[in-house]
């Protein structure tokens, strides 16, 4: 039996687990030492109580979790597999929660996507409030950075806090995050009073599909995302060192 001090030597690492006993409890293999269930038994009990205890019934956390499970059930068919797009899932989720007023916090780079999202949501009976990232933004060169890109320097800086304030004042019930910059998305979620769901992510290089970098990490993006030795071994590292 491991003591608490021995457990502290490990950190949770589901990304490295090959047993996946959470998904396949019938497997004979034991959970690895870095399994969060092994490391954090008290936290697991608290988390279950928040979502499933008798005291939890009727709370917003309980309702959100039940709504999420309902949408998952609606999104799959035994014969055809997945049946709903993410936008359809968001609308199903909002309907289950009886939320009718939806906010959109969007980036200027995805304003056309915001316009189409607005059109679709309104066509499905939702009230929509949208705020673009540069609303109440000031001059970027006043921020004191030595900007290398003149294009970026010429644009106003983004103001995700203003986006959140506008949606708060409009009393939206659910907010969609649409393509906000890394960091700005954190501030937007921090200051929004209503729950925030990610509608779409921005990737300036990969056509707003950031996980594409993972699918090509061992090929096209290896020298940007991975140390060369991880991809080609020591021989590969020597090869690229000669370039």
C-alpha atoms as a PDB file:
ATOM      1  CA  UNK A   1       0.000   0.000   0.000  1.00  0.00           C
ATOM      2  CA  UNK A   2       1.466   3.341  -1.075  1.00  0.00           C
ATOM      3  CA  UNK A   3       1.553   6.225   1.364  1.00  0.00           C
ATOM      4  CA  UNK A   4       0.400   9.741   0.486  1.00  0.00           C
ATOM      5  CA  UNK A   5       4.011  10.882   0.265  1.00  0.00           C
ATOM      6  CA  UNK A   6       4.800   8.127  -2.233  1.00  0.00           C
ATOM      7  CA  UNK A   7       1.779   9.109  -4.315  1.00  0.00           C
ATOM      8  CA  UNK A   8       3.002  12.703  -4.453  1.00  0.00           C
ATOM      9  CA  UNK A   9       5.929  11.530  -6.557  1.00  0.00           C
ATOM     10  CA  UNK A  10       3.515  11.156  -9.457  1.00  0.00           C
ATOM     11  CA  UNK A  11       1.306  13.619 -11.322  1.00  0.00           C
ATOM     12  CA  UNK A  12      -1.843  12.705 -13.212  1.00  0.00           C
ATOM     13  CA  UNK A  13      -1.058  11.740 -16.815  1.00  0.00           C
ATOM     14  CA  UNK A  14      -4.066  10.278 -18.629  1.00  0.00           C
ATOM     15  CA  UNK A  15      -2.384  11.268 -21.890  1.00  0.00           C
ATOM     16  CA  UNK A  16       0.214   8.531 -21.341  1.00  0.00           C
ATOM     17  CA  UNK A  17      -2.183   5.817 -20.124  1.00  0.00           C
ATOM     18  CA  UNK A  18      -2.585   2.665 -22.239  1.00  0.00           C
ATOM     19  CA  UNK A  19      -4.845   0.799 -19.801  1.00  0.00           C
ATOM     20  CA  UNK A  20      -7.819   3.185 -19.870  1.00  0.00           C
ATOM     21  CA  UNK A  21      -9.604   1.323 -17.096  1.00  0.00           C
ATOM     22  CA  UNK A  22     -12.025   4.247 -16.732  1.00  0.00           C
ATOM     23  CA  UNK A  23     -13.414   3.347 -20.159  1.00  0.00           C
ATOM     24  CA  UNK A  24     -12.832  -0.413 -19.989  1.00  0.00           C
ATOM     25  CA  UNK A  25     -13.263  -1.442 -16.307  1.00  0.00           C
ATOM     26  CA  UNK A  26     -13.137  -5.158 -17.216  1.00  0.00           C
ATOM     27  CA  UNK A  27      -9.492  -5.053 -18.229  1.00  0.00           C
ATOM     28  CA  UNK A  28      -7.173  -7.155 -16.073  1.00  0.00           C
ATOM     29  CA  UNK A  29      -4.372  -4.602 -15.982  1.00  0.00           C
ATOM     30  CA  UNK A  30      -4.128  -2.406 -12.901  1.00  0.00           C
ATOM     31  CA  UNK A  31      -4.439   1.334 -13.103  1.00  0.00           C
ATOM     32  CA  UNK A  32      -1.017   2.979 -13.588  1.00  0.00           C
ATOM     33  CA  UNK A  33       0.555   4.883 -10.693  1.00  0.00           C
ATOM     34  CA  UNK A  34      -0.096   8.173 -12.494  1.00  0.00           C
ATOM     35  CA  UNK A  35      -3.868   7.517 -12.766  1.00  0.00           C
ATOM     36  CA  UNK A  36      -5.845  10.435 -11.238  1.00  0.00           C
ATOM     37  CA  UNK A  37      -8.224   7.954  -9.557  1.00  0.00           C
ATOM     38  CA  UNK A  38      -5.266   6.396  -7.760  1.00  0.00           C
ATOM     39  CA  UNK A  39      -3.657   9.727  -6.886  1.00  0.00           C
ATOM     40  CA  UNK A  40      -6.726  11.768  -5.960  1.00  0.00           C
ATOM     41  CA  UNK A  41      -9.342   9.579  -4.257  1.00  0.00           C
ATOM     42  CA  UNK A  42     -10.728  12.424  -2.139  1.00  0.00           C
ATOM     43  CA  UNK A  43     -11.092  14.728  -5.144  1.00  0.00           C
ATOM     44  CA  UNK A  44     -12.879  11.963  -7.068  1.00  0.00           C
ATOM     45  CA  UNK A  45     -15.443  11.600  -4.268  1.00  0.00           C
ATOM     46  CA  UNK A  46     -15.970  15.379  -4.070  1.00  0.00           C
ATOM     47  CA  UNK A  47     -16.438  15.604  -7.836  1.00  0.00           C
ATOM     48  CA  UNK A  48     -19.016  12.813  -7.812  1.00  0.00           C
ATOM     49  CA  UNK A  49     -20.876  14.487  -4.938  1.00  0.00           C
ATOM     50  CA  UNK A  50     -21.022  17.817  -6.811  1.00  0.00           C
ATOM     51  CA  UNK A  51     -22.613  16.160  -9.834  1.00  0.00           C
ATOM     52  CA  UNK A  52     -24.596  13.211  -8.491  1.00  0.00           C
ATOM     53  CA  UNK A  53     -25.371  13.485  -4.763  1.00  0.00           C
ATOM     54  CA  UNK A  54     -28.905  14.119  -3.533  1.00  0.00           C
ATOM     55  CA  UNK A  55     -27.853  17.636  -2.547  1.00  0.00           C
ATOM     56  CA  UNK A  56     -26.694  18.298  -6.110  1.00  0.00           C
ATOM     57  CA  UNK A  57     -30.067  17.627  -7.722  1.00  0.00           C
ATOM     58  CA  UNK A  58     -31.519  20.868  -9.070  1.00  0.00           C
ATOM     59  CA  UNK A  59     -28.291  22.888  -8.918  1.00  0.00           C
ATOM     60  CA  UNK A  60     -26.945  24.530 -12.073  1.00  0.00           C
ATOM     61  CA  UNK A  61     -23.941  22.191 -12.095  1.00  0.00           C
ATOM     62  CA  UNK A  62     -26.282  19.206 -11.994  1.00  0.00           C
ATOM     63  CA  UNK A  63     -28.489  20.578 -14.764  1.00  0.00           C
ATOM     64  CA  UNK A  64     -25.523  21.448 -17.012  1.00  0.00           C
ATOM     65  CA  UNK A  65     -24.084  17.963 -16.606  1.00  0.00           C
ATOM     66  CA  UNK A  66     -27.428  16.304 -17.334  1.00  0.00           C
ATOM     67  CA  UNK A  67     -27.885  18.562 -20.371  1.00  0.00           C
ATOM     68  CA  UNK A  68     -24.444  17.560 -21.651  1.00  0.00           C
ATOM     69  CA  UNK A  69     -25.298  13.867 -21.287  1.00  0.00           C
ATOM     70  CA  UNK A  70     -28.616  14.444 -23.031  1.00  0.00           C
ATOM     71  CA  UNK A  71     -26.849  16.075 -25.991  1.00  0.00           C
ATOM     72  CA  UNK A  72     -24.352  13.206 -26.218  1.00  0.00           C
ATOM     73  CA  UNK A  73     -27.301  10.802 -26.362  1.00  0.00           C
ATOM     74  CA  UNK A  74     -28.949  12.884 -29.088  1.00  0.00           C
ATOM     75  CA  UNK A  75     -25.715  13.187 -31.069  1.00  0.00           C
ATOM     76  CA  UNK A  76     -25.288   9.459 -31.750  1.00  0.00           C
ATOM     77  CA  UNK A  77     -27.262   6.844 -33.621  1.00  0.00           C
ATOM     78  CA  UNK A  78     -26.615   3.089 -33.350  1.00  0.00           C
ATOM     79  CA  UNK A  79     -26.781   2.677 -37.128  1.00  0.00           C
ATOM     80  CA  UNK A  80     -25.287   5.927 -38.408  1.00  0.00           C
ATOM     81  CA  UNK A  81     -22.897   7.026 -35.653  1.00  0.00           C
ATOM     82  CA  UNK A  82     -22.542  10.784 -34.958  1.00  0.00           C
ATOM     83  CA  UNK A  83     -25.519  12.782 -36.209  1.00  0.00           C
ATOM     84  CA  UNK A  84     -25.137  16.349 -34.909  1.00  0.00           C
ATOM     85  CA  UNK A  85     -22.624  19.079 -35.765  1.00  0.00           C
ATOM     86  CA  UNK A  86     -21.162  21.078 -32.886  1.00  0.00           C
ATOM     87  CA  UNK A  87     -23.462  24.018 -33.600  1.00  0.00           C
ATOM     88  CA  UNK A  88     -26.476  21.700 -33.492  1.00  0.00           C
ATOM     89  CA  UNK A  89     -25.202  20.276 -30.207  1.00  0.00           C
ATOM     90  CA  UNK A  90     -24.932  23.787 -28.758  1.00  0.00           C
ATOM     91  CA  UNK A  91     -28.523  24.550 -29.753  1.00  0.00           C
ATOM     92  CA  UNK A  92     -29.771  21.244 -28.299  1.00  0.00           C
ATOM     93  CA  UNK A  93     -27.898  21.999 -25.087  1.00  0.00           C
ATOM     94  CA  UNK A  94     -29.402  25.500 -24.837  1.00  0.00           C
ATOM     95  CA  UNK A  95     -32.911  24.152 -25.466  1.00  0.00           C
ATOM     96  CA  UNK A  96     -32.528  21.538 -22.743  1.00  0.00           C
ATOM     97  CA  UNK A  97     -31.388  24.258 -20.319  1.00  0.00           C
ATOM     98  CA  UNK A  98     -34.269  26.486 -21.495  1.00  0.00           C
ATOM     99  CA  UNK A  99     -31.792  29.218 -22.421  1.00  0.00           C
ATOM    100  CA  UNK A 100     -33.031  31.451 -25.221  1.00  0.00           C
ATOM    101  CA  UNK A 101     -30.613  34.408 -25.180  1.00  0.00           C
ATOM    102  CA  UNK A 102     -27.170  33.600 -26.569  1.00  0.00           C
ATOM    103  CA  UNK A 103     -24.113  35.850 -26.705  1.00  0.00           C
ATOM    104  CA  UNK A 104     -21.262  35.641 -29.214  1.00  0.00           C
ATOM    105  CA  UNK A 105     -17.781  36.922 -28.391  1.00  0.00           C
ATOM    106  CA  UNK A 106     -15.983  36.855 -31.737  1.00  0.00           C
ATOM    107  CA  UNK A 107     -12.663  37.807 -33.284  1.00  0.00           C
ATOM    108  CA  UNK A 108     -12.594  40.234 -36.208  1.00  0.00           C
ATOM    109  CA  UNK A 109     -10.919  37.445 -38.207  1.00  0.00           C
ATOM    110  CA  UNK A 110     -14.055  35.323 -37.841  1.00  0.00           C
ATOM    111  CA  UNK A 111     -16.697  38.027 -38.160  1.00  0.00           C
ATOM    112  CA  UNK A 112     -18.200  36.336 -41.230  1.00  0.00           C
ATOM    113  CA  UNK A 113     -18.538  33.128 -39.226  1.00  0.00           C
ATOM    114  CA  UNK A 114     -20.176  35.161 -36.454  1.00  0.00           C
ATOM    115  CA  UNK A 115     -22.636  36.623 -38.948  1.00  0.00           C
ATOM    116  CA  UNK A 116     -23.610  33.165 -40.195  1.00  0.00           C
ATOM    117  CA  UNK A 117     -23.863  31.854 -36.634  1.00  0.00           C
ATOM    118  CA  UNK A 118     -26.151  34.768 -35.755  1.00  0.00           C
ATOM    119  CA  UNK A 119     -28.356  33.977 -38.769  1.00  0.00           C
ATOM    120  CA  UNK A 120     -28.647  30.291 -37.878  1.00  0.00           C
ATOM    121  CA  UNK A 121     -29.345  30.877 -34.194  1.00  0.00           C
ATOM    122  CA  UNK A 122     -32.054  33.452 -34.951  1.00  0.00           C
ATOM    123  CA  UNK A 123     -33.620  31.077 -37.494  1.00  0.00           C
ATOM    124  CA  UNK A 124     -33.862  28.500 -34.703  1.00  0.00           C
ATOM    125  CA  UNK A 125     -35.666  30.824 -32.315  1.00  0.00           C
ATOM    126  CA  UNK A 126     -32.803  32.213 -30.239  1.00  0.00           C
ATOM    127  CA  UNK A 127     -32.171  35.836 -29.335  1.00  0.00           C
ATOM    128  CA  UNK A 128     -28.578  36.782 -30.161  1.00  0.00           C
ATOM    129  CA  UNK A 129     -26.162  39.447 -28.903  1.00  0.00           C
ATOM    130  CA  UNK A 130     -22.710  39.670 -30.499  1.00  0.00           C
ATOM    131  CA  UNK A 131     -19.586  41.660 -29.656  1.00  0.00           C
ATOM    132  CA  UNK A 132     -16.453  41.840 -31.790  1.00  0.00           C
ATOM    133  CA  UNK A 133     -13.009  41.742 -30.134  1.00  0.00           C
ATOM    134  CA  UNK A 134     -11.893  45.259 -31.059  1.00  0.00           C
ATOM    135  CA  UNK A 135     -14.902  46.999 -29.562  1.00  0.00           C
ATOM    136  CA  UNK A 136     -13.460  49.632 -27.191  1.00  0.00           C
ATOM    137  CA  UNK A 137      -9.931  48.727 -28.253  1.00  0.00           C
ATOM    138  CA  UNK A 138      -7.223  51.375 -28.271  1.00  0.00           C
ATOM    139  CA  UNK A 139      -4.092  51.971 -30.328  1.00  0.00           C
ATOM    140  CA  UNK A 140      -1.776  48.993 -30.270  1.00  0.00           C
ATOM    141  CA  UNK A 141       1.419  51.018 -30.543  1.00  0.00           C
ATOM    142  CA  UNK A 142       0.504  52.744 -27.262  1.00  0.00           C
ATOM    143  CA  UNK A 143       1.031  49.441 -25.416  1.00  0.00           C
ATOM    144  CA  UNK A 144       4.811  49.872 -25.532  1.00  0.00           C
ATOM    145  CA  UNK A 145       5.811  46.822 -27.541  1.00  0.00           C
ATOM    146  CA  UNK A 146       8.395  46.988 -30.279  1.00  0.00           C
ATOM    147  CA  UNK A 147       6.070  45.584 -32.918  1.00  0.00           C
ATOM    148  CA  UNK A 148       7.803  43.726 -35.747  1.00  0.00           C
ATOM    149  CA  UNK A 149       4.702  43.453 -37.914  1.00  0.00           C
ATOM    150  CA  UNK A 150       3.346  46.744 -39.253  1.00  0.00           C
ATOM    151  CA  UNK A 151       0.022  45.093 -40.113  1.00  0.00           C
ATOM    152  CA  UNK A 152      -0.578  44.095 -36.483  1.00  0.00           C
ATOM    153  CA  UNK A 153       0.632  47.465 -35.177  1.00  0.00           C
ATOM    154  CA  UNK A 154      -1.894  49.310 -37.348  1.00  0.00           C
ATOM    155  CA  UNK A 155      -4.863  47.447 -35.829  1.00  0.00           C
ATOM    156  CA  UNK A 156      -6.590  48.399 -32.551  1.00  0.00           C
ATOM    157  CA  UNK A 157      -5.846  46.086 -29.644  1.00  0.00           C
ATOM    158  CA  UNK A 158      -8.503  43.598 -28.569  1.00  0.00           C
ATOM    159  CA  UNK A 159     -10.654  44.102 -25.481  1.00  0.00           C
ATOM    160  CA  UNK A 160     -12.122  40.768 -24.318  1.00  0.00           C
ATOM    161  CA  UNK A 161     -13.202  42.319 -21.012  1.00  0.00           C
ATOM    162  CA  UNK A 162     -15.418  44.768 -22.908  1.00  0.00           C
ATOM    163  CA  UNK A 163     -16.907  41.835 -24.821  1.00  0.00           C
ATOM    164  CA  UNK A 164     -17.788  40.135 -21.549  1.00  0.00           C
ATOM    165  CA  UNK A 165     -19.198  43.335 -20.006  1.00  0.00           C
ATOM    166  CA  UNK A 166     -21.525  43.929 -22.969  1.00  0.00           C
ATOM    167  CA  UNK A 167     -22.856  40.366 -22.838  1.00  0.00           C
ATOM    168  CA  UNK A 168     -23.268  40.615 -19.058  1.00  0.00           C
ATOM    169  CA  UNK A 169     -25.285  43.816 -19.395  1.00  0.00           C
ATOM    170  CA  UNK A 170     -27.433  42.154 -22.057  1.00  0.00           C
ATOM    171  CA  UNK A 171     -28.051  39.300 -19.585  1.00  0.00           C
ATOM    172  CA  UNK A 172     -27.182  36.530 -22.007  1.00  0.00           C
ATOM    173  CA  UNK A 173     -27.756  33.016 -20.676  1.00  0.00           C
ATOM    174  CA  UNK A 174     -25.062  31.245 -22.696  1.00  0.00           C
ATOM    175  CA  UNK A 175     -22.031  32.759 -24.428  1.00  0.00           C
ATOM    176  CA  UNK A 176     -20.233  31.353 -27.466  1.00  0.00           C
ATOM    177  CA  UNK A 177     -16.519  31.948 -27.786  1.00  0.00           C
ATOM    178  CA  UNK A 178     -15.685  32.313 -31.469  1.00  0.00           C
ATOM    179  CA  UNK A 179     -12.023  32.466 -32.473  1.00  0.00           C
ATOM    180  CA  UNK A 180     -10.626  34.677 -29.709  1.00  0.00           C
ATOM    181  CA  UNK A 181      -6.840  34.998 -29.439  1.00  0.00           C
ATOM    182  CA  UNK A 182      -4.880  32.899 -26.961  1.00  0.00           C
ATOM    183  CA  UNK A 183      -5.024  34.822 -23.673  1.00  0.00           C
ATOM    184  CA  UNK A 184      -7.954  36.974 -24.720  1.00  0.00           C
ATOM    185  CA  UNK A 185     -10.097  33.840 -24.472  1.00  0.00           C
ATOM    186  CA  UNK A 186      -9.008  33.451 -20.835  1.00  0.00           C
ATOM    187  CA  UNK A 187     -10.038  37.003 -19.963  1.00  0.00           C
ATOM    188  CA  UNK A 188     -13.339  36.651 -21.823  1.00  0.00           C
ATOM    189  CA  UNK A 189     -14.280  33.557 -19.813  1.00  0.00           C
ATOM    190  CA  UNK A 190     -13.055  35.131 -16.574  1.00  0.00           C
ATOM    191  CA  UNK A 191     -15.324  38.170 -16.837  1.00  0.00           C
ATOM    192  CA  UNK A 192     -18.418  36.561 -18.395  1.00  0.00           C
ATOM    193  CA  UNK A 193     -21.207  35.963 -15.910  1.00  0.00           C
ATOM    194  CA  UNK A 194     -23.002  33.442 -18.119  1.00  0.00           C
ATOM    195  CA  UNK A 195     -21.448  30.043 -18.922  1.00  0.00           C
ATOM    196  CA  UNK A 196     -19.095  30.071 -21.915  1.00  0.00           C
ATOM    197  CA  UNK A 197     -18.805  27.312 -24.507  1.00  0.00           C
ATOM    198  CA  UNK A 198     -16.156  27.214 -27.222  1.00  0.00           C
ATOM    199  CA  UNK A 199     -17.871  27.373 -30.592  1.00  0.00           C
ATOM    200  CA  UNK A 200     -14.751  27.552 -32.760  1.00  0.00           C
ATOM    201  CA  UNK A 201     -11.016  28.041 -32.306  1.00  0.00           C
ATOM    202  CA  UNK A 202      -8.773  30.273 -34.348  1.00  0.00           C
ATOM    203  CA  UNK A 203      -5.607  29.027 -36.032  1.00  0.00           C
ATOM    204  CA  UNK A 204      -4.133  31.597 -38.371  1.00  0.00           C
ATOM    205  CA  UNK A 205      -2.060  29.024 -40.251  1.00  0.00           C
ATOM    206  CA  UNK A 206      -4.287  25.939 -40.305  1.00  0.00           C
ATOM    207  CA  UNK A 207      -7.657  27.338 -41.435  1.00  0.00           C
ATOM    208  CA  UNK A 208      -8.984  27.431 -37.848  1.00  0.00           C
ATOM    209  CA  UNK A 209      -8.250  23.726 -37.314  1.00  0.00           C
ATOM    210  CA  UNK A 210      -5.502  23.760 -34.643  1.00  0.00           C
ATOM    211  CA  UNK A 211      -5.437  19.985 -34.165  1.00  0.00           C
ATOM    212  CA  UNK A 212      -4.200  19.622 -37.742  1.00  0.00           C
ATOM    213  CA  UNK A 213      -0.765  20.421 -36.324  1.00  0.00           C
ATOM    214  CA  UNK A 214      -0.983  17.223 -34.257  1.00  0.00           C
ATOM    215  CA  UNK A 215      -1.827  15.092 -37.269  1.00  0.00           C
ATOM    216  CA  UNK A 216       1.242  16.389 -39.098  1.00  0.00           C
ATOM    217  CA  UNK A 217       3.559  16.766 -36.080  1.00  0.00           C
ATOM    218  CA  UNK A 218       5.771  13.906 -37.265  1.00  0.00           C
ATOM    219  CA  UNK A 219       5.997  15.235 -40.799  1.00  0.00           C
ATOM    220  CA  UNK A 220       5.410  18.818 -41.881  1.00  0.00           C
ATOM    221  CA  UNK A 221       5.632  20.497 -38.473  1.00  0.00           C
ATOM    222  CA  UNK A 222       8.240  18.256 -36.831  1.00  0.00           C
ATOM    223  CA  UNK A 223      10.932  20.943 -36.654  1.00  0.00           C
ATOM    224  CA  UNK A 224       8.502  23.427 -35.064  1.00  0.00           C
ATOM    225  CA  UNK A 225       6.611  21.210 -32.631  1.00  0.00           C
ATOM    226  CA  UNK A 226       8.983  18.379 -31.697  1.00  0.00           C
ATOM    227  CA  UNK A 227      12.666  18.068 -30.920  1.00  0.00           C
ATOM    228  CA  UNK A 228      14.241  16.441 -33.963  1.00  0.00           C
ATOM    229  CA  UNK A 229      15.576  13.504 -31.945  1.00  0.00           C
ATOM    230  CA  UNK A 230      12.006  12.510 -31.031  1.00  0.00           C
ATOM    231  CA  UNK A 231      11.095  12.137 -34.684  1.00  0.00           C
ATOM    232  CA  UNK A 232      14.140  10.680 -36.360  1.00  0.00           C
ATOM    233  CA  UNK A 233      16.340   9.621 -33.458  1.00  0.00           C
ATOM    234  CA  UNK A 234      19.982  10.568 -33.037  1.00  0.00           C
ATOM    235  CA  UNK A 235      20.735   9.962 -36.724  1.00  0.00           C
ATOM    236  CA  UNK A 236      18.012  12.380 -37.746  1.00  0.00           C
ATOM    237  CA  UNK A 237      19.246  14.994 -35.318  1.00  0.00           C
ATOM    238  CA  UNK A 238      22.719  14.831 -36.903  1.00  0.00           C
ATOM    239  CA  UNK A 239      21.195  15.004 -40.375  1.00  0.00           C
ATOM    240  CA  UNK A 240      19.257  18.203 -39.688  1.00  0.00           C
ATOM    241  CA  UNK A 241      22.170  19.725 -37.793  1.00  0.00           C
ATOM    242  CA  UNK A 242      24.083  19.692 -41.086  1.00  0.00           C
ATOM    243  CA  UNK A 243      21.421  21.747 -42.903  1.00  0.00           C
END
